[in-house]
């Protein structure tokens, strides 16, 4: 396994979250969902598993409820390299909706 998926790394992230007292987590792309969030829920394993792009969901992680924002990786939304136009388009619509309010 890569260093991203070790139990030790998951523990480090959880410790960082506890120390920060954050209640919001922004996940950028499939990898943080696959390697971190999926350890705490069977419902989400990749970005496309979320009902609506960028819409927050509440997920309990180690006894605390966090607001999770699922967003595409900056590489996708910037059309850098091999990117998917679907995520670029969804991200642009998400931004426009936020700017209205």
PDB file of N, CA and C in Angstrom:
ATOM      1  N   UNK A   1       0.825  -1.209   0.000  1.00  0.00           N
ATOM      2  CA  UNK A   1       0.000   0.000   0.000  1.00  0.00           C
ATOM      3  C   UNK A   1       0.865   1.269   0.000  1.00  0.00           C
ATOM      4  N   UNK A   2       0.297   2.325  -0.537  1.00  0.00           N
ATOM      5  CA  UNK A   2       1.007   3.605  -0.546  1.00  0.00           C
ATOM      6  C   UNK A   2       0.930   4.240   0.836  1.00  0.00           C
ATOM      7  N   UNK A   3       1.791   5.203   1.142  1.00  0.00           N
ATOM      8  CA  UNK A   3       1.744   5.870   2.447  1.00  0.00           C
ATOM      9  C   UNK A   3       0.399   6.528   2.753  1.00  0.00           C
ATOM     10  N   UNK A   4      -0.398   6.809   1.731  1.00  0.00           N
ATOM     11  CA  UNK A   4      -1.707   7.426   1.949  1.00  0.00           C
ATOM     12  C   UNK A   4      -2.700   6.500   2.639  1.00  0.00           C
ATOM     13  N   UNK A   5      -2.510   5.209   2.519  1.00  0.00           N
ATOM     14  CA  UNK A   5      -3.527   4.275   2.992  1.00  0.00           C
ATOM     15  C   UNK A   5      -3.140   3.519   4.258  1.00  0.00           C
ATOM     16  N   UNK A   6      -2.062   3.890   4.894  1.00  0.00           N
ATOM     17  CA  UNK A   6      -1.666   3.165   6.097  1.00  0.00           C
ATOM     18  C   UNK A   6      -2.554   3.559   7.274  1.00  0.00           C
ATOM     19  N   UNK A   7      -2.713   2.652   8.194  1.00  0.00           N
ATOM     20  CA  UNK A   7      -3.476   2.952   9.410  1.00  0.00           C
ATOM     21  C   UNK A   7      -2.845   4.106  10.177  1.00  0.00           C
ATOM     22  N   UNK A   8      -1.525   4.170  10.140  1.00  0.00           N
ATOM     23  CA  UNK A   8      -0.826   5.247  10.830  1.00  0.00           C
ATOM     24  C   UNK A   8      -1.182   6.612  10.238  1.00  0.00           C
ATOM     25  N   UNK A   9      -1.256   6.693   8.916  1.00  0.00           N
ATOM     26  CA  UNK A   9      -1.599   7.971   8.275  1.00  0.00           C
ATOM     27  C   UNK A   9      -3.031   8.378   8.598  1.00  0.00           C
ATOM     28  N   UNK A  10      -3.944   7.417   8.622  1.00  0.00           N
ATOM     29  CA  UNK A  10      -5.335   7.708   8.991  1.00  0.00           C
ATOM     30  C   UNK A  10      -5.374   8.257  10.412  1.00  0.00           C
ATOM     31  N   UNK A  11      -4.622   7.639  11.312  1.00  0.00           N
ATOM     32  CA  UNK A  11      -4.567   8.111  12.701  1.00  0.00           C
ATOM     33  C   UNK A  11      -4.008   9.533  12.768  1.00  0.00           C
ATOM     34  N   UNK A  12      -2.969   9.813  11.985  1.00  0.00           N
ATOM     35  CA  UNK A  12      -2.389  11.160  11.957  1.00  0.00           C
ATOM     36  C   UNK A  12      -3.424  12.202  11.507  1.00  0.00           C
ATOM     37  N   UNK A  13      -4.185  11.865  10.480  1.00  0.00           N
ATOM     38  CA  UNK A  13      -5.213  12.786   9.987  1.00  0.00           C
ATOM     39  C   UNK A  13      -6.279  13.007  11.058  1.00  0.00           C
ATOM     40  N   UNK A  14      -6.703  11.932  11.706  1.00  0.00           N
ATOM     41  CA  UNK A  14      -7.704  12.057  12.771  1.00  0.00           C
ATOM     42  C   UNK A  14      -7.177  12.913  13.917  1.00  0.00           C
ATOM     43  N   UNK A  15      -5.918  12.717  14.284  1.00  0.00           N
ATOM     44  CA  UNK A  15      -5.308  13.539  15.337  1.00  0.00           C
ATOM     45  C   UNK A  15      -5.277  15.014  14.929  1.00  0.00           C
ATOM     46  N   UNK A  16      -4.939  15.284  13.678  1.00  0.00           N
ATOM     47  CA  UNK A  16      -4.908  16.661  13.172  1.00  0.00           C
ATOM     48  C   UNK A  16      -6.301  17.284  13.223  1.00  0.00           C
ATOM     49  N   UNK A  17      -7.318  16.514  12.845  1.00  0.00           N
ATOM     50  CA  UNK A  17      -8.694  17.015  12.897  1.00  0.00           C
ATOM     51  C   UNK A  17      -9.098  17.354  14.326  1.00  0.00           C
ATOM     52  N   UNK A  18      -8.773  16.468  15.255  1.00  0.00           N
ATOM     53  CA  UNK A  18      -9.110  16.709  16.666  1.00  0.00           C
ATOM     54  C   UNK A  18      -8.419  17.954  17.200  1.00  0.00           C
ATOM     55  N   UNK A  19      -7.152  18.091  16.909  1.00  0.00           N
ATOM     56  CA  UNK A  19      -6.389  19.255  17.382  1.00  0.00           C
ATOM     57  C   UNK A  19      -6.931  20.553  16.788  1.00  0.00           C
ATOM     58  N   UNK A  20      -7.344  20.504  15.541  1.00  0.00           N
ATOM     59  CA  UNK A  20      -7.821  21.716  14.867  1.00  0.00           C
ATOM     60  C   UNK A  20      -9.219  22.124  15.338  1.00  0.00           C
ATOM     61  N   UNK A  21      -9.955  21.171  15.908  1.00  0.00           N
ATOM     62  CA  UNK A  21     -11.348  21.384  16.319  1.00  0.00           C
ATOM     63  C   UNK A  21     -12.237  21.754  15.132  1.00  0.00           C
ATOM     64  N   UNK A  22     -11.809  21.378  13.956  1.00  0.00           N
ATOM     65  CA  UNK A  22     -12.590  21.636  12.743  1.00  0.00           C
ATOM     66  C   UNK A  22     -13.865  20.802  12.758  1.00  0.00           C
ATOM     67  N   UNK A  23     -14.891  21.332  12.125  1.00  0.00           N
ATOM     68  CA  UNK A  23     -16.105  20.542  11.956  1.00  0.00           C
ATOM     69  C   UNK A  23     -16.463  20.404  10.475  1.00  0.00           C
ATOM     70  N   UNK A  24     -15.573  20.914   9.617  1.00  0.00           N
ATOM     71  CA  UNK A  24     -15.768  20.851   8.169  1.00  0.00           C
ATOM     72  C   UNK A  24     -14.529  20.243   7.523  1.00  0.00           C
ATOM     73  N   UNK A  25     -14.778  19.350   6.559  1.00  0.00           N
ATOM     74  CA  UNK A  25     -13.693  18.730   5.798  1.00  0.00           C
ATOM     75  C   UNK A  25     -14.007  18.914   4.320  1.00  0.00           C
ATOM     76  N   UNK A  26     -13.044  19.430   3.575  1.00  0.00           N
ATOM     77  CA  UNK A  26     -13.194  19.575   2.131  1.00  0.00           C
ATOM     78  C   UNK A  26     -12.315  18.514   1.483  1.00  0.00           C
ATOM     79  N   UNK A  27     -12.957  17.647   0.732  1.00  0.00           N
ATOM     80  CA  UNK A  27     -12.240  16.561   0.063  1.00  0.00           C
ATOM     81  C   UNK A  27     -12.098  16.904  -1.409  1.00  0.00           C
ATOM     82  N   UNK A  28     -10.867  16.888  -1.904  1.00  0.00           N
ATOM     83  CA  UNK A  28     -10.583  17.280  -3.282  1.00  0.00           C
ATOM     84  C   UNK A  28     -10.269  16.062  -4.136  1.00  0.00           C
ATOM     85  N   UNK A  29     -11.293  15.537  -4.779  1.00  0.00           N
ATOM     86  CA  UNK A  29     -11.106  14.419  -5.698  1.00  0.00           C
ATOM     87  C   UNK A  29     -11.345  13.056  -5.086  1.00  0.00           C
ATOM     88  N   UNK A  30     -11.138  12.045  -5.894  1.00  0.00           N
ATOM     89  CA  UNK A  30     -11.417  10.659  -5.508  1.00  0.00           C
ATOM     90  C   UNK A  30     -10.481  10.108  -4.433  1.00  0.00           C
ATOM     91  N   UNK A  31      -9.215  10.480  -4.468  1.00  0.00           N
ATOM     92  CA  UNK A  31      -8.264   9.843  -3.558  1.00  0.00           C
ATOM     93  C   UNK A  31      -8.571  10.075  -2.075  1.00  0.00           C
ATOM     94  N   UNK A  32      -8.864  11.295  -1.626  1.00  0.00           N
ATOM     95  CA  UNK A  32      -9.173  11.441  -0.202  1.00  0.00           C
ATOM     96  C   UNK A  32     -10.461  10.718   0.200  1.00  0.00           C
ATOM     97  N   UNK A  33     -11.372  10.594  -0.750  1.00  0.00           N
ATOM     98  CA  UNK A  33     -12.613   9.859  -0.471  1.00  0.00           C
ATOM     99  C   UNK A  33     -12.299   8.377  -0.350  1.00  0.00           C
ATOM    100  N   UNK A  34     -11.542   7.865  -1.309  1.00  0.00           N
ATOM    101  CA  UNK A  34     -11.197   6.439  -1.331  1.00  0.00           C
ATOM    102  C   UNK A  34     -10.318   6.040  -0.142  1.00  0.00           C
ATOM    103  N   UNK A  35      -9.281   6.843   0.132  1.00  0.00           N
ATOM    104  CA  UNK A  35      -8.292   6.450   1.128  1.00  0.00           C
ATOM    105  C   UNK A  35      -8.599   6.911   2.547  1.00  0.00           C
ATOM    106  N   UNK A  36      -9.486   7.895   2.697  1.00  0.00           N
ATOM    107  CA  UNK A  36      -9.806   8.367   4.045  1.00  0.00           C
ATOM    108  C   UNK A  36     -11.284   8.179   4.384  1.00  0.00           C
ATOM    109  N   UNK A  37     -12.154   8.868   3.675  1.00  0.00           N
ATOM    110  CA  UNK A  37     -13.572   8.862   4.037  1.00  0.00           C
ATOM    111  C   UNK A  37     -14.192   7.471   3.999  1.00  0.00           C
ATOM    112  N   UNK A  38     -13.809   6.663   3.027  1.00  0.00           N
ATOM    113  CA  UNK A  38     -14.409   5.328   2.894  1.00  0.00           C
ATOM    114  C   UNK A  38     -14.108   4.435   4.098  1.00  0.00           C
ATOM    115  N   UNK A  39     -13.137   4.823   4.924  1.00  0.00           N
ATOM    116  CA  UNK A  39     -12.847   4.056   6.147  1.00  0.00           C
ATOM    117  C   UNK A  39     -13.955   4.220   7.186  1.00  0.00           C
ATOM    118  N   UNK A  40     -14.800   5.263   6.991  1.00  0.00           N
ATOM    119  CA  UNK A  40     -15.810   5.592   7.988  1.00  0.00           C
ATOM    120  C   UNK A  40     -17.239   5.470   7.466  1.00  0.00           C
ATOM    121  N   UNK A  41     -17.390   5.217   6.178  1.00  0.00           N
ATOM    122  CA  UNK A  41     -18.719   5.043   5.590  1.00  0.00           C
ATOM    123  C   UNK A  41     -18.618   4.152   4.358  1.00  0.00           C
ATOM    124  N   UNK A  42     -19.599   3.314   4.166  1.00  0.00           N
ATOM    125  CA  UNK A  42     -19.632   2.461   2.966  1.00  0.00           C
ATOM    126  C   UNK A  42     -20.328   3.161   1.806  1.00  0.00           C
ATOM    127  N   UNK A  43     -20.965   4.288   2.093  1.00  0.00           N
ATOM    128  CA  UNK A  43     -21.772   4.975   1.086  1.00  0.00           C
ATOM    129  C   UNK A  43     -20.926   5.711   0.050  1.00  0.00           C
ATOM    130  N   UNK A  44     -19.800   6.253   0.463  1.00  0.00           N
ATOM    131  CA  UNK A  44     -18.985   7.081  -0.427  1.00  0.00           C
ATOM    132  C   UNK A  44     -17.596   6.472  -0.616  1.00  0.00           C
ATOM    133  N   UNK A  45     -17.285   6.165  -1.888  1.00  0.00           N
ATOM    134  CA  UNK A  45     -15.983   5.604  -2.211  1.00  0.00           C
ATOM    135  C   UNK A  45     -15.267   6.429  -3.280  1.00  0.00           C
ATOM    136  N   UNK A  46     -16.046   7.294  -3.960  1.00  0.00           N
ATOM    137  CA  UNK A  46     -15.485   8.183  -4.989  1.00  0.00           C
ATOM    138  C   UNK A  46     -16.411   9.396  -5.123  1.00  0.00           C
ATOM    139  N   UNK A  47     -15.917  10.421  -5.781  1.00  0.00           N
ATOM    140  CA  UNK A  47     -16.657  11.672  -5.903  1.00  0.00           C
ATOM    141  C   UNK A  47     -18.029  11.483  -6.538  1.00  0.00           C
ATOM    142  N   UNK A  48     -18.114  10.639  -7.523  1.00  0.00           N
ATOM    143  CA  UNK A  48     -19.394  10.429  -8.213  1.00  0.00           C
ATOM    144  C   UNK A  48     -20.432   9.708  -7.352  1.00  0.00           C
ATOM    145  N   UNK A  49     -20.044   9.193  -6.186  1.00  0.00           N
ATOM    146  CA  UNK A  49     -21.002   8.556  -5.281  1.00  0.00           C
ATOM    147  C   UNK A  49     -21.873   9.577  -4.554  1.00  0.00           C
ATOM    148  N   UNK A  50     -21.459  10.834  -4.532  1.00  0.00           N
ATOM    149  CA  UNK A  50     -22.238  11.864  -3.860  1.00  0.00           C
ATOM    150  C   UNK A  50     -23.404  12.276  -4.748  1.00  0.00           C
ATOM    151  N   UNK A  51     -24.553  12.512  -4.133  1.00  0.00           N
ATOM    152  CA  UNK A  51     -25.767  12.828  -4.880  1.00  0.00           C
ATOM    153  C   UNK A  51     -25.612  14.100  -5.702  1.00  0.00           C
ATOM    154  N   UNK A  52     -25.068  15.142  -5.083  1.00  0.00           N
ATOM    155  CA  UNK A  52     -24.886  16.410  -5.783  1.00  0.00           C
ATOM    156  C   UNK A  52     -23.479  16.925  -5.554  1.00  0.00           C
ATOM    157  N   UNK A  53     -22.844  17.340  -6.625  1.00  0.00           N
ATOM    158  CA  UNK A  53     -21.486  17.848  -6.561  1.00  0.00           C
ATOM    159  C   UNK A  53     -21.401  19.047  -5.615  1.00  0.00           C
ATOM    160  N   UNK A  54     -20.454  18.998  -4.700  1.00  0.00           N
ATOM    161  CA  UNK A  54     -20.176  20.119  -3.823  1.00  0.00           C
ATOM    162  C   UNK A  54     -21.158  20.352  -2.698  1.00  0.00           C
ATOM    163  N   UNK A  55     -22.244  19.597  -2.674  1.00  0.00           N
ATOM    164  CA  UNK A  55     -23.231  19.785  -1.611  1.00  0.00           C
ATOM    165  C   UNK A  55     -22.768  19.065  -0.353  1.00  0.00           C
ATOM    166  N   UNK A  56     -22.808  19.750   0.763  1.00  0.00           N
ATOM    167  CA  UNK A  56     -22.293  19.153   2.001  1.00  0.00           C
ATOM    168  C   UNK A  56     -23.141  17.984   2.494  1.00  0.00           C
ATOM    169  N   UNK A  57     -22.463  17.025   3.081  1.00  0.00           N
ATOM    170  CA  UNK A  57     -23.124  15.897   3.741  1.00  0.00           C
ATOM    171  C   UNK A  57     -22.552  15.792   5.154  1.00  0.00           C
ATOM    172  N   UNK A  58     -23.326  15.257   6.041  1.00  0.00           N
ATOM    173  CA  UNK A  58     -22.908  15.066   7.428  1.00  0.00           C
ATOM    174  C   UNK A  58     -22.457  13.618   7.593  1.00  0.00           C
ATOM    175  N   UNK A  59     -21.253  13.438   8.112  1.00  0.00           N
ATOM    176  CA  UNK A  59     -20.725  12.093   8.333  1.00  0.00           C
ATOM    177  C   UNK A  59     -20.065  12.032   9.705  1.00  0.00           C
ATOM    178  N   UNK A  60     -20.403  10.975  10.432  1.00  0.00           N
ATOM    179  CA  UNK A  60     -19.825  10.768  11.756  1.00  0.00           C
ATOM    180  C   UNK A  60     -18.500  10.031  11.619  1.00  0.00           C
ATOM    181  N   UNK A  61     -17.469  10.643  12.179  1.00  0.00           N
ATOM    182  CA  UNK A  61     -16.136  10.053  12.166  1.00  0.00           C
ATOM    183  C   UNK A  61     -15.627  10.024  13.594  1.00  0.00           C
ATOM    184  N   UNK A  62     -15.434   8.825  14.112  1.00  0.00           N
ATOM    185  CA  UNK A  62     -14.938   8.642  15.478  1.00  0.00           C
ATOM    186  C   UNK A  62     -15.738   9.454  16.501  1.00  0.00           C
ATOM    187  N   UNK A  63     -17.062   9.366  16.389  1.00  0.00           N
ATOM    188  CA  UNK A  63     -17.941   9.986  17.373  1.00  0.00           C
ATOM    189  C   UNK A  63     -18.263  11.458  17.145  1.00  0.00           C
ATOM    190  N   UNK A  64     -17.652  12.088  16.155  1.00  0.00           N
ATOM    191  CA  UNK A  64     -17.923  13.494  15.868  1.00  0.00           C
ATOM    192  C   UNK A  64     -18.522  13.622  14.474  1.00  0.00           C
ATOM    193  N   UNK A  65     -19.533  14.487  14.346  1.00  0.00           N
ATOM    194  CA  UNK A  65     -20.159  14.709  13.047  1.00  0.00           C
ATOM    195  C   UNK A  65     -19.421  15.843  12.335  1.00  0.00           C
ATOM    196  N   UNK A  66     -18.997  15.549  11.114  1.00  0.00           N
ATOM    197  CA  UNK A  66     -18.305  16.523  10.281  1.00  0.00           C
ATOM    198  C   UNK A  66     -19.163  16.857   9.067  1.00  0.00           C
ATOM    199  N   UNK A  67     -19.069  18.089   8.617  1.00  0.00           N
ATOM    200  CA  UNK A  67     -19.666  18.480   7.349  1.00  0.00           C
ATOM    201  C   UNK A  67     -18.605  18.258   6.280  1.00  0.00           C
ATOM    202  N   UNK A  68     -18.933  17.420   5.307  1.00  0.00           N
ATOM    203  CA  UNK A  68     -18.005  17.053   4.252  1.00  0.00           C
ATOM    204  C   UNK A  68     -18.437  17.733   2.948  1.00  0.00           C
ATOM    205  N   UNK A  69     -17.508  18.435   2.316  1.00  0.00           N
ATOM    206  CA  UNK A  69     -17.749  19.034   1.003  1.00  0.00           C
ATOM    207  C   UNK A  69     -16.962  18.227  -0.032  1.00  0.00           C
ATOM    208  N   UNK A  70     -17.653  17.524  -0.927  1.00  0.00           N
ATOM    209  CA  UNK A  70     -16.972  16.749  -1.965  1.00  0.00           C
ATOM    210  C   UNK A  70     -16.753  17.604  -3.213  1.00  0.00           C
ATOM    211  N   UNK A  71     -15.509  17.909  -3.509  1.00  0.00           N
ATOM    212  CA  UNK A  71     -15.171  18.720  -4.680  1.00  0.00           C
ATOM    213  C   UNK A  71     -14.143  17.997  -5.542  1.00  0.00           C
ATOM    214  N   UNK A  72     -14.094  18.378  -6.796  1.00  0.00           N
ATOM    215  CA  UNK A  72     -13.109  17.788  -7.703  1.00  0.00           C
ATOM    216  C   UNK A  72     -11.721  18.328  -7.369  1.00  0.00           C
ATOM    217  N   UNK A  73     -10.734  17.562  -7.727  1.00  0.00           N
ATOM    218  CA  UNK A  73      -9.347  17.972  -7.525  1.00  0.00           C
ATOM    219  C   UNK A  73      -9.061  19.211  -8.378  1.00  0.00           C
ATOM    220  N   UNK A  74      -8.258  20.147  -7.877  1.00  0.00           N
ATOM    221  CA  UNK A  74      -7.944  21.363  -8.644  1.00  0.00           C
ATOM    222  C   UNK A  74      -7.417  21.092 -10.055  1.00  0.00           C
ATOM    223  N   UNK A  75      -6.740  19.986 -10.225  1.00  0.00           N
ATOM    224  CA  UNK A  75      -6.238  19.630 -11.556  1.00  0.00           C
ATOM    225  C   UNK A  75      -7.392  19.412 -12.532  1.00  0.00           C
ATOM    226  N   UNK A  76      -8.464  18.798 -12.050  1.00  0.00           N
ATOM    227  CA  UNK A  76      -9.643  18.560 -12.897  1.00  0.00           C
ATOM    228  C   UNK A  76     -10.362  19.868 -13.231  1.00  0.00           C
ATOM    229  N   UNK A  77     -10.576  20.703 -12.221  1.00  0.00           N
ATOM    230  CA  UNK A  77     -11.366  21.919 -12.429  1.00  0.00           C
ATOM    231  C   UNK A  77     -10.566  23.006 -13.140  1.00  0.00           C
ATOM    232  N   UNK A  78      -9.269  22.794 -13.301  1.00  0.00           N
ATOM    233  CA  UNK A  78      -8.430  23.741 -14.041  1.00  0.00           C
ATOM    234  C   UNK A  78      -8.098  23.229 -15.432  1.00  0.00           C
ATOM    235  N   UNK A  79      -8.608  22.057 -15.771  1.00  0.00           N
ATOM    236  CA  UNK A  79      -8.345  21.407 -17.061  1.00  0.00           C
ATOM    237  C   UNK A  79      -6.856  21.216 -17.304  1.00  0.00           C
ATOM    238  N   UNK A  80      -6.146  20.819 -16.284  1.00  0.00           N
ATOM    239  CA  UNK A  80      -4.716  20.579 -16.408  1.00  0.00           C
ATOM    240  C   UNK A  80      -4.461  19.121 -16.752  1.00  0.00           C
ATOM    241  N   UNK A  81      -3.625  18.896 -17.721  1.00  0.00           N
ATOM    242  CA  UNK A  81      -3.281  17.524 -18.083  1.00  0.00           C
ATOM    243  C   UNK A  81      -4.495  16.741 -18.554  1.00  0.00           C
ATOM    244  N   UNK A  82      -4.524  15.499 -18.192  1.00  0.00           N
ATOM    245  CA  UNK A  82      -5.612  14.600 -18.560  1.00  0.00           C
ATOM    246  C   UNK A  82      -6.770  14.831 -17.589  1.00  0.00           C
ATOM    247  N   UNK A  83      -7.740  15.631 -18.008  1.00  0.00           N
ATOM    248  CA  UNK A  83      -8.833  15.964 -17.097  1.00  0.00           C
ATOM    249  C   UNK A  83     -10.174  15.615 -17.725  1.00  0.00           C
ATOM    250  N   UNK A  84     -11.186  15.595 -16.893  1.00  0.00           N
ATOM    251  CA  UNK A  84     -12.529  15.233 -17.299  1.00  0.00           C
ATOM    252  C   UNK A  84     -13.377  16.500 -17.326  1.00  0.00           C
ATOM    253  N   UNK A  85     -13.949  16.815 -18.478  1.00  0.00           N
ATOM    254  CA  UNK A  85     -14.746  18.042 -18.619  1.00  0.00           C
ATOM    255  C   UNK A  85     -15.985  18.032 -17.732  1.00  0.00           C
ATOM    256  N   UNK A  86     -16.480  16.860 -17.390  1.00  0.00           N
ATOM    257  CA  UNK A  86     -17.650  16.766 -16.515  1.00  0.00           C
ATOM    258  C   UNK A  86     -17.379  17.469 -15.188  1.00  0.00           C
ATOM    259  N   UNK A  87     -16.227  17.197 -14.580  1.00  0.00           N
ATOM    260  CA  UNK A  87     -15.921  17.784 -13.277  1.00  0.00           C
ATOM    261  C   UNK A  87     -15.667  19.284 -13.400  1.00  0.00           C
ATOM    262  N   UNK A  88     -15.053  19.704 -14.502  1.00  0.00           N
ATOM    263  CA  UNK A  88     -14.858  21.133 -14.742  1.00  0.00           C
ATOM    264  C   UNK A  88     -16.215  21.833 -14.813  1.00  0.00           C
ATOM    265  N   UNK A  89     -17.127  21.284 -15.609  1.00  0.00           N
ATOM    266  CA  UNK A  89     -18.455  21.887 -15.770  1.00  0.00           C
ATOM    267  C   UNK A  89     -19.226  21.912 -14.458  1.00  0.00           C
ATOM    268  N   UNK A  90     -19.215  20.817 -13.721  1.00  0.00           N
ATOM    269  CA  UNK A  90     -19.923  20.768 -12.432  1.00  0.00           C
ATOM    270  C   UNK A  90     -19.345  21.779 -11.452  1.00  0.00           C
ATOM    271  N   UNK A  91     -18.034  21.908 -11.444  1.00  0.00           N
ATOM    272  CA  UNK A  91     -17.403  22.845 -10.524  1.00  0.00           C
ATOM    273  C   UNK A  91     -17.751  24.290 -10.903  1.00  0.00           C
ATOM    274  N   UNK A  92     -17.763  24.597 -12.189  1.00  0.00           N
ATOM    275  CA  UNK A  92     -18.133  25.944 -12.633  1.00  0.00           C
ATOM    276  C   UNK A  92     -19.565  26.274 -12.233  1.00  0.00           C
ATOM    277  N   UNK A  93     -20.478  25.325 -12.387  1.00  0.00           N
ATOM    278  CA  UNK A  93     -21.873  25.550 -11.978  1.00  0.00           C
ATOM    279  C   UNK A  93     -21.961  25.732 -10.472  1.00  0.00           C
ATOM    280  N   UNK A  94     -21.209  24.938  -9.722  1.00  0.00           N
ATOM    281  CA  UNK A  94     -21.204  25.032  -8.263  1.00  0.00           C
ATOM    282  C   UNK A  94     -20.733  26.419  -7.827  1.00  0.00           C
ATOM    283  N   UNK A  95     -19.666  26.928  -8.455  1.00  0.00           N
ATOM    284  CA  UNK A  95     -19.155  28.256  -8.117  1.00  0.00           C
ATOM    285  C   UNK A  95     -20.194  29.329  -8.436  1.00  0.00           C
ATOM    286  N   UNK A  96     -20.804  29.258  -9.597  1.00  0.00           N
ATOM    287  CA  UNK A  96     -21.815  30.258  -9.991  1.00  0.00           C
ATOM    288  C   UNK A  96     -22.976  30.292  -9.002  1.00  0.00           C
ATOM    289  N   UNK A  97     -23.392  29.124  -8.531  1.00  0.00           N
ATOM    290  CA  UNK A  97     -24.482  29.062  -7.548  1.00  0.00           C
ATOM    291  C   UNK A  97     -24.089  29.749  -6.253  1.00  0.00           C
ATOM    292  N   UNK A  98     -22.860  29.568  -5.840  1.00  0.00           N
ATOM    293  CA  UNK A  98     -22.383  30.190  -4.591  1.00  0.00           C
ATOM    294  C   UNK A  98     -22.244  31.697  -4.730  1.00  0.00           C
ATOM    295  N   UNK A  99     -21.909  32.176  -5.918  1.00  0.00           N
ATOM    296  CA  UNK A  99     -21.742  33.613  -6.143  1.00  0.00           C
ATOM    297  C   UNK A  99     -23.079  34.359  -6.192  1.00  0.00           C
ATOM    298  N   UNK A 100     -24.152  33.635  -6.492  1.00  0.00           N
ATOM    299  CA  UNK A 100     -25.485  34.250  -6.528  1.00  0.00           C
ATOM    300  C   UNK A 100     -25.922  34.724  -5.148  1.00  0.00           C
ATOM    301  N   UNK A 101     -25.581  33.937  -4.131  1.00  0.00           N
ATOM    302  CA  UNK A 101     -26.056  34.196  -2.773  1.00  0.00           C
ATOM    303  C   UNK A 101     -25.262  35.136  -2.027  1.00  0.00           C
TER     304      UNK A 101
END
